[in-house]
Amino acid sequence: MDLKNKVRTCLWFETGGLAAATFYVGLIPGSRIETVLPHGRPEDDPMVVEFSLAGTPLMILTAGDHYRLSPAASISVLTDDQAETDDLWEALTDGGEELQCAWLTARYGVSWQLVPRRLPELLADPDPARAARAMEAMMRMKKIDIAALEAAADPVS
């Protein structure tokens, strides 16, 4: 095990933890598989996979059907622009499910939030009316459309 991180979020999987971790580290630059610990089951489905996504430590425990993943815990990614948002959204919703307001559930059952940097900027705007218009627009979206948010925040009169 990688003992350098004092805190690491653990996701419980019934099966397929290594496949999920491998997929996720392939999507986000600066990510990697760190440790794989078998537990006597098939070698391609180890008990523990420690990995990092852009430096954030996570682990998957593959330990049967005792618990289920839910949107009560999600991985939130702050994206730099629309292109990054679109690319990650397309990859993560392939075999998954689009949800409201930047949320999705990927094919492996993990919930994600893909938040363009521009969204919290608009929602925290010092003009409450501008922030409210951006919030109202966001509430109608699944994947966040930055141009649509900006247009809603600053409507043409």
N, C-alpha and C. Protein backbone atom coordinates (compact mmCIF):
# COMPACT_ATOMS: atom_id res chain seq x y z
N MET A 1 0.83 -1.18 0.00
CA MET A 1 0.00 0.00 0.00
C MET A 1 0.87 1.24 0.00
N ASP A 2 0.34 2.30 -0.57
CA ASP A 2 1.02 3.58 -0.59
C ASP A 2 0.73 4.29 0.72
N LEU A 3 1.72 4.40 1.58
CA LEU A 3 1.52 4.94 2.92
C LEU A 3 1.86 6.41 3.04
N LYS A 4 2.14 7.08 1.92
CA LYS A 4 2.52 8.49 2.01
C LYS A 4 1.30 9.41 2.16
N ASN A 5 0.11 8.95 1.78
CA ASN A 5 -1.09 9.77 1.93
C ASN A 5 -1.82 9.39 3.21
N LYS A 6 -1.98 10.33 4.11
CA LYS A 6 -2.68 10.08 5.36
C LYS A 6 -4.18 9.85 5.11
N VAL A 7 -4.74 10.55 4.12
CA VAL A 7 -6.17 10.46 3.81
C VAL A 7 -6.34 10.04 2.37
N ARG A 8 -7.23 9.11 2.14
CA ARG A 8 -7.52 8.60 0.79
C ARG A 8 -8.99 8.18 0.76
N THR A 9 -9.77 8.73 -0.15
CA THR A 9 -11.18 8.34 -0.29
C THR A 9 -11.26 6.93 -0.87
N CYS A 10 -12.14 6.11 -0.29
CA CYS A 10 -12.32 4.73 -0.73
C CYS A 10 -13.69 4.56 -1.37
N LEU A 11 -13.72 3.95 -2.54
CA LEU A 11 -14.96 3.63 -3.24
C LEU A 11 -15.14 2.12 -3.21
N TRP A 12 -16.31 1.65 -2.80
CA TRP A 12 -16.60 0.22 -2.69
C TRP A 12 -17.18 -0.29 -4.00
N PHE A 13 -16.57 -1.31 -4.56
CA PHE A 13 -17.05 -1.93 -5.80
C PHE A 13 -17.39 -3.38 -5.53
N GLU A 14 -18.40 -3.87 -6.20
CA GLU A 14 -18.69 -5.30 -6.16
C GLU A 14 -17.64 -6.04 -6.97
N THR A 15 -17.40 -5.59 -8.20
CA THR A 15 -16.39 -6.15 -9.10
C THR A 15 -15.87 -5.03 -9.99
N GLY A 16 -14.79 -5.29 -10.66
CA GLY A 16 -14.31 -4.38 -11.70
C GLY A 16 -13.55 -3.16 -11.25
N GLY A 17 -13.01 -3.17 -10.05
CA GLY A 17 -12.30 -2.00 -9.54
C GLY A 17 -11.08 -1.60 -10.35
N LEU A 18 -10.27 -2.57 -10.76
CA LEU A 18 -9.07 -2.25 -11.53
C LEU A 18 -9.44 -1.67 -12.89
N ALA A 19 -10.45 -2.23 -13.54
CA ALA A 19 -10.88 -1.70 -14.84
C ALA A 19 -11.36 -0.27 -14.71
N ALA A 20 -12.11 0.02 -13.67
CA ALA A 20 -12.60 1.38 -13.46
C ALA A 20 -11.44 2.34 -13.21
N ALA A 21 -10.55 1.99 -12.29
CA ALA A 21 -9.43 2.87 -11.97
C ALA A 21 -8.56 3.12 -13.20
N THR A 22 -8.32 2.08 -13.98
CA THR A 22 -7.51 2.21 -15.20
C THR A 22 -8.18 3.17 -16.18
N PHE A 23 -9.48 3.04 -16.34
CA PHE A 23 -10.24 3.94 -17.22
C PHE A 23 -10.14 5.38 -16.73
N TYR A 24 -10.37 5.59 -15.45
CA TYR A 24 -10.37 6.94 -14.90
C TYR A 24 -9.00 7.62 -15.00
N VAL A 25 -7.92 6.89 -14.69
CA VAL A 25 -6.60 7.53 -14.77
C VAL A 25 -6.22 7.85 -16.21
N GLY A 26 -6.81 7.15 -17.16
CA GLY A 26 -6.56 7.45 -18.57
C GLY A 26 -7.25 8.71 -19.05
N LEU A 27 -8.20 9.23 -18.29
CA LEU A 27 -8.96 10.41 -18.71
C LEU A 27 -8.38 11.73 -18.23
N ILE A 28 -7.72 11.71 -17.09
CA ILE A 28 -7.31 12.96 -16.45
C ILE A 28 -5.79 13.03 -16.38
N PRO A 29 -5.19 14.04 -17.02
CA PRO A 29 -3.73 14.17 -16.99
C PRO A 29 -3.21 14.23 -15.55
N GLY A 30 -2.02 13.70 -15.36
CA GLY A 30 -1.40 13.70 -14.04
C GLY A 30 -1.97 12.65 -13.11
N SER A 31 -2.61 11.64 -13.67
CA SER A 31 -3.23 10.57 -12.87
C SER A 31 -2.47 9.27 -13.07
N ARG A 32 -2.56 8.37 -12.06
CA ARG A 32 -1.83 7.10 -12.19
C ARG A 32 -2.35 6.06 -11.21
N ILE A 33 -2.15 4.81 -11.59
CA ILE A 33 -2.37 3.68 -10.68
C ILE A 33 -1.14 3.62 -9.78
N GLU A 34 -1.34 3.49 -8.47
CA GLU A 34 -0.21 3.49 -7.54
C GLU A 34 0.07 2.09 -6.98
N THR A 35 -0.97 1.40 -6.51
CA THR A 35 -0.80 0.11 -5.87
C THR A 35 -1.96 -0.79 -6.24
N VAL A 36 -1.67 -2.06 -6.48
CA VAL A 36 -2.70 -3.06 -6.74
C VAL A 36 -2.43 -4.23 -5.80
N LEU A 37 -3.42 -4.53 -4.94
CA LEU A 37 -3.28 -5.62 -3.97
C LEU A 37 -4.31 -6.72 -4.26
N PRO A 38 -3.85 -7.93 -4.58
CA PRO A 38 -4.78 -9.03 -4.85
C PRO A 38 -5.41 -9.56 -3.57
N HIS A 39 -6.47 -10.34 -3.73
CA HIS A 39 -7.09 -10.98 -2.57
C HIS A 39 -7.49 -12.43 -2.82
N GLY A 40 -6.85 -13.06 -3.79
CA GLY A 40 -7.12 -14.46 -4.03
C GLY A 40 -8.20 -14.72 -5.06
N ARG A 41 -8.90 -13.70 -5.44
CA ARG A 41 -9.90 -13.83 -6.51
C ARG A 41 -9.17 -13.76 -7.83
N PRO A 42 -9.87 -13.70 -8.93
CA PRO A 42 -9.16 -13.58 -10.21
C PRO A 42 -8.19 -12.41 -10.20
N GLU A 43 -7.03 -12.61 -10.83
CA GLU A 43 -5.97 -11.60 -10.82
C GLU A 43 -6.40 -10.29 -11.45
N ASP A 44 -7.37 -10.36 -12.37
CA ASP A 44 -7.80 -9.13 -13.04
C ASP A 44 -8.84 -8.35 -12.22
N ASP A 45 -9.13 -8.81 -11.00
CA ASP A 45 -10.09 -8.12 -10.14
C ASP A 45 -9.54 -8.06 -8.71
N PRO A 46 -8.45 -7.29 -8.51
CA PRO A 46 -7.80 -7.26 -7.20
C PRO A 46 -8.67 -6.61 -6.12
N MET A 47 -8.33 -6.87 -4.87
CA MET A 47 -9.09 -6.34 -3.74
C MET A 47 -8.95 -4.83 -3.60
N VAL A 48 -7.73 -4.31 -3.72
CA VAL A 48 -7.49 -2.88 -3.52
C VAL A 48 -6.72 -2.33 -4.72
N VAL A 49 -7.19 -1.20 -5.21
CA VAL A 49 -6.46 -0.44 -6.22
C VAL A 49 -6.35 0.98 -5.68
N GLU A 50 -5.13 1.40 -5.43
CA GLU A 50 -4.88 2.79 -5.03
C GLU A 50 -4.45 3.54 -6.27
N PHE A 51 -5.03 4.72 -6.46
CA PHE A 51 -4.71 5.52 -7.62
C PHE A 51 -4.89 6.99 -7.28
N SER A 52 -4.40 7.84 -8.16
CA SER A 52 -4.61 9.27 -7.97
C SER A 52 -5.16 9.86 -9.25
N LEU A 53 -6.04 10.82 -9.09
CA LEU A 53 -6.58 11.58 -10.21
C LEU A 53 -6.08 13.01 -10.05
N ALA A 54 -5.18 13.41 -10.94
CA ALA A 54 -4.56 14.74 -10.89
C ALA A 54 -4.01 15.03 -9.49
N GLY A 55 -3.42 14.01 -8.88
CA GLY A 55 -2.80 14.18 -7.56
C GLY A 55 -3.70 13.91 -6.38
N THR A 56 -4.99 13.73 -6.60
CA THR A 56 -5.92 13.44 -5.50
C THR A 56 -5.96 11.94 -5.26
N PRO A 57 -5.61 11.49 -4.04
CA PRO A 57 -5.56 10.05 -3.77
C PRO A 57 -6.95 9.43 -3.58
N LEU A 58 -7.15 8.30 -4.24
CA LEU A 58 -8.39 7.53 -4.12
C LEU A 58 -8.01 6.06 -4.04
N MET A 59 -8.96 5.25 -3.64
CA MET A 59 -8.77 3.81 -3.72
C MET A 59 -10.10 3.15 -4.01
N ILE A 60 -10.02 2.01 -4.62
CA ILE A 60 -11.20 1.17 -4.86
C ILE A 60 -10.98 -0.12 -4.09
N LEU A 61 -11.97 -0.48 -3.30
CA LEU A 61 -12.00 -1.75 -2.59
C LEU A 61 -13.02 -2.63 -3.29
N THR A 62 -12.56 -3.72 -3.89
CA THR A 62 -13.46 -4.66 -4.56
C THR A 62 -13.76 -5.77 -3.56
N ALA A 63 -14.96 -5.74 -2.99
CA ALA A 63 -15.24 -6.63 -1.87
C ALA A 63 -16.66 -7.19 -1.87
N GLY A 64 -17.28 -7.30 -3.02
CA GLY A 64 -18.59 -7.93 -3.07
C GLY A 64 -19.76 -6.96 -3.05
N ASP A 65 -20.94 -7.54 -2.95
CA ASP A 65 -22.17 -6.77 -3.13
C ASP A 65 -22.79 -6.25 -1.84
N HIS A 66 -22.00 -6.06 -0.80
CA HIS A 66 -22.52 -5.60 0.49
C HIS A 66 -23.00 -4.16 0.43
N TYR A 67 -22.35 -3.32 -0.37
CA TYR A 67 -22.68 -1.90 -0.46
C TYR A 67 -22.76 -1.49 -1.92
N ARG A 68 -23.45 -0.41 -2.18
CA ARG A 68 -23.59 0.12 -3.54
C ARG A 68 -23.11 1.57 -3.59
N LEU A 69 -22.51 1.93 -4.71
CA LEU A 69 -22.15 3.32 -4.94
C LEU A 69 -23.43 4.13 -5.13
N SER A 70 -23.39 5.41 -4.76
CA SER A 70 -24.54 6.29 -4.98
C SER A 70 -24.04 7.71 -5.22
N PRO A 71 -24.92 8.59 -5.71
CA PRO A 71 -24.52 9.98 -5.90
C PRO A 71 -24.26 10.72 -4.59
N ALA A 72 -24.48 10.07 -3.45
CA ALA A 72 -24.19 10.71 -2.17
C ALA A 72 -22.70 11.03 -2.04
N ALA A 73 -21.87 10.33 -2.80
CA ALA A 73 -20.44 10.64 -2.89
C ALA A 73 -20.09 10.69 -4.37
N SER A 74 -19.36 11.72 -4.77
CA SER A 74 -19.01 11.85 -6.18
C SER A 74 -17.60 12.41 -6.32
N ILE A 75 -17.05 12.26 -7.50
CA ILE A 75 -15.76 12.85 -7.84
C ILE A 75 -16.06 14.12 -8.62
N SER A 76 -15.58 15.24 -8.11
CA SER A 76 -15.81 16.52 -8.75
C SER A 76 -14.53 16.97 -9.45
N VAL A 77 -14.66 17.32 -10.72
CA VAL A 77 -13.53 17.76 -11.53
C VAL A 77 -13.78 19.18 -12.00
N LEU A 78 -12.87 20.07 -11.70
CA LEU A 78 -12.93 21.45 -12.16
C LEU A 78 -12.26 21.49 -13.53
N THR A 79 -13.07 21.72 -14.57
CA THR A 79 -12.55 21.73 -15.94
C THR A 79 -12.17 23.16 -16.34
N ASP A 80 -11.19 23.26 -17.24
CA ASP A 80 -10.67 24.57 -17.62
C ASP A 80 -11.52 25.28 -18.68
N ASP A 81 -12.17 24.51 -19.55
CA ASP A 81 -12.91 25.13 -20.65
C ASP A 81 -13.96 24.17 -21.19
N GLN A 82 -14.68 24.61 -22.21
CA GLN A 82 -15.75 23.79 -22.77
C GLN A 82 -15.21 22.53 -23.43
N ALA A 83 -14.06 22.63 -24.08
CA ALA A 83 -13.50 21.45 -24.75
C ALA A 83 -13.18 20.35 -23.74
N GLU A 84 -12.54 20.71 -22.63
CA GLU A 84 -12.23 19.70 -21.61
C GLU A 84 -13.51 19.13 -21.01
N THR A 85 -14.48 20.00 -20.75
CA THR A 85 -15.78 19.55 -20.22
C THR A 85 -16.43 18.57 -21.19
N ASP A 86 -16.47 18.92 -22.46
CA ASP A 86 -17.09 18.06 -23.47
C ASP A 86 -16.39 16.71 -23.59
N ASP A 87 -15.05 16.73 -23.62
CA ASP A 87 -14.29 15.48 -23.78
C ASP A 87 -14.52 14.54 -22.59
N LEU A 88 -14.43 15.07 -21.37
CA LEU A 88 -14.64 14.23 -20.20
C LEU A 88 -16.09 13.75 -20.13
N TRP A 89 -17.04 14.63 -20.43
CA TRP A 89 -18.45 14.26 -20.40
C TRP A 89 -18.73 13.11 -21.36
N GLU A 90 -18.21 13.22 -22.57
CA GLU A 90 -18.43 12.17 -23.58
C GLU A 90 -17.84 10.84 -23.11
N ALA A 91 -16.63 10.86 -22.59
CA ALA A 91 -15.98 9.63 -22.14
C ALA A 91 -16.71 9.01 -20.95
N LEU A 92 -17.09 9.84 -19.99
CA LEU A 92 -17.70 9.31 -18.76
C LEU A 92 -19.16 8.91 -18.93
N THR A 93 -19.86 9.52 -19.87
CA THR A 93 -21.27 9.13 -20.07
C THR A 93 -21.42 7.98 -21.05
N ASP A 94 -20.33 7.57 -21.72
CA ASP A 94 -20.39 6.42 -22.62
C ASP A 94 -20.65 5.18 -21.77
N GLY A 95 -21.85 4.67 -21.84
CA GLY A 95 -22.25 3.54 -21.00
C GLY A 95 -22.75 3.97 -19.64
N GLY A 96 -22.78 5.27 -19.38
CA GLY A 96 -23.25 5.81 -18.11
C GLY A 96 -24.55 6.56 -18.28
N GLU A 97 -24.79 7.52 -17.40
CA GLU A 97 -26.05 8.24 -17.41
C GLU A 97 -25.81 9.73 -17.15
N GLU A 98 -26.42 10.58 -17.98
CA GLU A 98 -26.35 12.02 -17.78
C GLU A 98 -27.38 12.40 -16.72
N LEU A 99 -26.96 13.22 -15.77
CA LEU A 99 -27.86 13.72 -14.74
C LEU A 99 -27.90 15.25 -14.84
N GLN A 100 -28.56 15.90 -13.94
CA GLN A 100 -28.72 17.35 -13.97
C GLN A 100 -27.52 18.08 -13.38
N CYS A 101 -27.36 19.32 -13.82
CA CYS A 101 -26.46 20.30 -13.18
C CYS A 101 -25.02 19.83 -13.06
N ALA A 102 -24.46 19.31 -14.14
CA ALA A 102 -23.05 18.91 -14.21
C ALA A 102 -22.78 17.52 -13.66
N TRP A 103 -23.81 16.78 -13.23
CA TRP A 103 -23.63 15.46 -12.64
C TRP A 103 -23.83 14.37 -13.69
N LEU A 104 -23.13 13.26 -13.48
CA LEU A 104 -23.31 12.08 -14.31
C LEU A 104 -22.93 10.85 -13.49
N THR A 105 -23.38 9.71 -13.94
CA THR A 105 -22.94 8.45 -13.36
C THR A 105 -22.23 7.69 -14.48
N ALA A 106 -20.97 7.35 -14.27
CA ALA A 106 -20.18 6.66 -15.27
C ALA A 106 -20.56 5.17 -15.33
N ARG A 107 -20.11 4.50 -16.35
CA ARG A 107 -20.46 3.08 -16.56
C ARG A 107 -20.10 2.18 -15.39
N TYR A 108 -19.15 2.57 -14.57
CA TYR A 108 -18.75 1.76 -13.42
C TYR A 108 -19.55 2.09 -12.16
N GLY A 109 -20.49 3.04 -12.27
CA GLY A 109 -21.36 3.36 -11.15
C GLY A 109 -20.91 4.53 -10.29
N VAL A 110 -19.74 5.08 -10.56
CA VAL A 110 -19.25 6.22 -9.80
C VAL A 110 -19.91 7.50 -10.31
N SER A 111 -20.36 8.34 -9.39
CA SER A 111 -20.94 9.63 -9.75
C SER A 111 -19.83 10.67 -9.88
N TRP A 112 -19.99 11.53 -10.86
CA TRP A 112 -19.02 12.58 -11.14
C TRP A 112 -19.75 13.91 -11.29
N GLN A 113 -19.03 14.99 -11.02
CA GLN A 113 -19.47 16.34 -11.34
C GLN A 113 -18.38 16.97 -12.20
N LEU A 114 -18.76 17.44 -13.38
CA LEU A 114 -17.81 18.12 -14.25
C LEU A 114 -18.17 19.60 -14.26
N VAL A 115 -17.36 20.38 -13.56
CA VAL A 115 -17.67 21.78 -13.28
C VAL A 115 -16.68 22.69 -14.00
N PRO A 116 -17.12 23.36 -15.07
CA PRO A 116 -16.22 24.33 -15.70
C PRO A 116 -15.90 25.47 -14.72
N ARG A 117 -14.65 25.92 -14.71
CA ARG A 117 -14.24 27.00 -13.81
C ARG A 117 -15.16 28.22 -13.89
N ARG A 118 -15.72 28.45 -15.05
CA ARG A 118 -16.57 29.62 -15.24
C ARG A 118 -17.86 29.53 -14.43
N LEU A 119 -18.36 28.33 -14.17
CA LEU A 119 -19.62 28.17 -13.43
C LEU A 119 -19.55 28.76 -12.02
N PRO A 120 -18.62 28.38 -11.16
CA PRO A 120 -18.59 28.99 -9.83
C PRO A 120 -18.30 30.49 -9.87
N GLU A 121 -17.56 30.93 -10.88
CA GLU A 121 -17.33 32.38 -11.02
C GLU A 121 -18.65 33.11 -11.24
N LEU A 122 -19.48 32.58 -12.14
CA LEU A 122 -20.77 33.22 -12.42
C LEU A 122 -21.71 33.11 -11.22
N LEU A 123 -21.72 31.97 -10.56
CA LEU A 123 -22.62 31.78 -9.43
C LEU A 123 -22.24 32.65 -8.23
N ALA A 124 -20.97 33.05 -8.17
CA ALA A 124 -20.51 33.90 -7.07
C ALA A 124 -20.41 35.38 -7.49
N ASP A 125 -21.00 35.73 -8.63
CA ASP A 125 -20.93 37.10 -9.12
C ASP A 125 -21.45 38.07 -8.06
N PRO A 126 -20.80 39.22 -7.89
CA PRO A 126 -21.28 40.19 -6.89
C PRO A 126 -22.65 40.78 -7.22
N ASP A 127 -23.06 40.69 -8.49
CA ASP A 127 -24.40 41.15 -8.88
C ASP A 127 -25.36 39.97 -8.67
N PRO A 128 -26.23 40.03 -7.65
CA PRO A 128 -27.10 38.90 -7.36
C PRO A 128 -28.04 38.53 -8.50
N ALA A 129 -28.47 39.48 -9.28
CA ALA A 129 -29.36 39.18 -10.41
C ALA A 129 -28.61 38.39 -11.49
N ARG A 130 -27.37 38.78 -11.74
CA ARG A 130 -26.54 38.06 -12.72
C ARG A 130 -26.28 36.63 -12.25
N ALA A 131 -25.93 36.47 -10.99
CA ALA A 131 -25.70 35.14 -10.42
C ALA A 131 -26.97 34.30 -10.49
N ALA A 132 -28.12 34.90 -10.20
CA ALA A 132 -29.40 34.16 -10.24
C ALA A 132 -29.73 33.70 -11.65
N ARG A 133 -29.46 34.54 -12.65
CA ARG A 133 -29.73 34.13 -14.04
C ARG A 133 -28.82 32.97 -14.44
N ALA A 134 -27.57 33.01 -14.00
CA ALA A 134 -26.65 31.89 -14.30
C ALA A 134 -27.12 30.62 -13.60
N MET A 135 -27.56 30.74 -12.35
CA MET A 135 -28.06 29.58 -11.60
C MET A 135 -29.30 28.99 -12.29
N GLU A 136 -30.21 29.84 -12.70
CA GLU A 136 -31.42 29.37 -13.38
C GLU A 136 -31.07 28.62 -14.66
N ALA A 137 -30.12 29.14 -15.42
CA ALA A 137 -29.69 28.47 -16.65
C ALA A 137 -29.05 27.12 -16.32
N MET A 138 -28.18 27.07 -15.30
CA MET A 138 -27.53 25.83 -14.91
C MET A 138 -28.55 24.76 -14.52
N MET A 139 -29.59 25.16 -13.83
CA MET A 139 -30.58 24.19 -13.36
C MET A 139 -31.32 23.50 -14.52
N ARG A 140 -31.28 24.08 -15.70
CA ARG A 140 -31.92 23.47 -16.87
C ARG A 140 -30.96 22.60 -17.68
N MET A 141 -29.70 22.57 -17.29
CA MET A 141 -28.68 21.85 -18.05
C MET A 141 -28.36 20.49 -17.44
N LYS A 142 -27.86 19.62 -18.27
CA LYS A 142 -27.18 18.41 -17.80
C LYS A 142 -25.69 18.75 -17.86
N LYS A 143 -25.06 18.55 -19.04
CA LYS A 143 -23.68 19.01 -19.21
C LYS A 143 -23.71 20.54 -19.24
N ILE A 144 -22.75 21.16 -18.57
CA ILE A 144 -22.71 22.61 -18.51
C ILE A 144 -22.20 23.19 -19.83
N ASP A 145 -22.96 24.15 -20.34
CA ASP A 145 -22.63 24.87 -21.57
C ASP A 145 -22.21 26.28 -21.14
N ILE A 146 -20.92 26.56 -21.19
CA ILE A 146 -20.39 27.83 -20.69
C ILE A 146 -20.97 29.01 -21.45
N ALA A 147 -21.04 28.94 -22.78
CA ALA A 147 -21.57 30.05 -23.56
C ALA A 147 -23.03 30.33 -23.20
N ALA A 148 -23.80 29.29 -23.00
CA ALA A 148 -25.21 29.47 -22.61
C ALA A 148 -25.34 30.09 -21.22
N LEU A 149 -24.44 29.70 -20.31
CA LEU A 149 -24.44 30.31 -18.98
C LEU A 149 -24.13 31.81 -19.05
N GLU A 150 -23.11 32.14 -19.83
CA GLU A 150 -22.72 33.54 -19.97
C GLU A 150 -23.83 34.35 -20.63
N ALA A 151 -24.49 33.77 -21.64
CA ALA A 151 -25.59 34.46 -22.30
C ALA A 151 -26.76 34.68 -21.35
N ALA A 152 -27.02 33.72 -20.49
CA ALA A 152 -28.10 33.86 -19.51
C ALA A 152 -27.75 34.91 -18.47
N ALA A 153 -26.50 34.95 -18.06
CA ALA A 153 -26.06 35.92 -17.06
C ALA A 153 -26.13 37.36 -17.58
N ASP A 154 -25.85 37.51 -18.86
CA ASP A 154 -25.81 38.84 -19.49
C ASP A 154 -26.73 38.87 -20.71
N PRO A 155 -28.05 38.82 -20.50
CA PRO A 155 -28.95 38.80 -21.65
C PRO A 155 -28.90 40.11 -22.44
N VAL A 156 -29.09 39.99 -23.74
CA VAL A 156 -29.13 41.18 -24.60
C VAL A 156 -30.49 41.82 -24.42
N SER A 157 -30.49 43.15 -24.16
CA SER A 157 -31.78 43.81 -23.93
C SER A 157 -32.39 44.35 -25.19
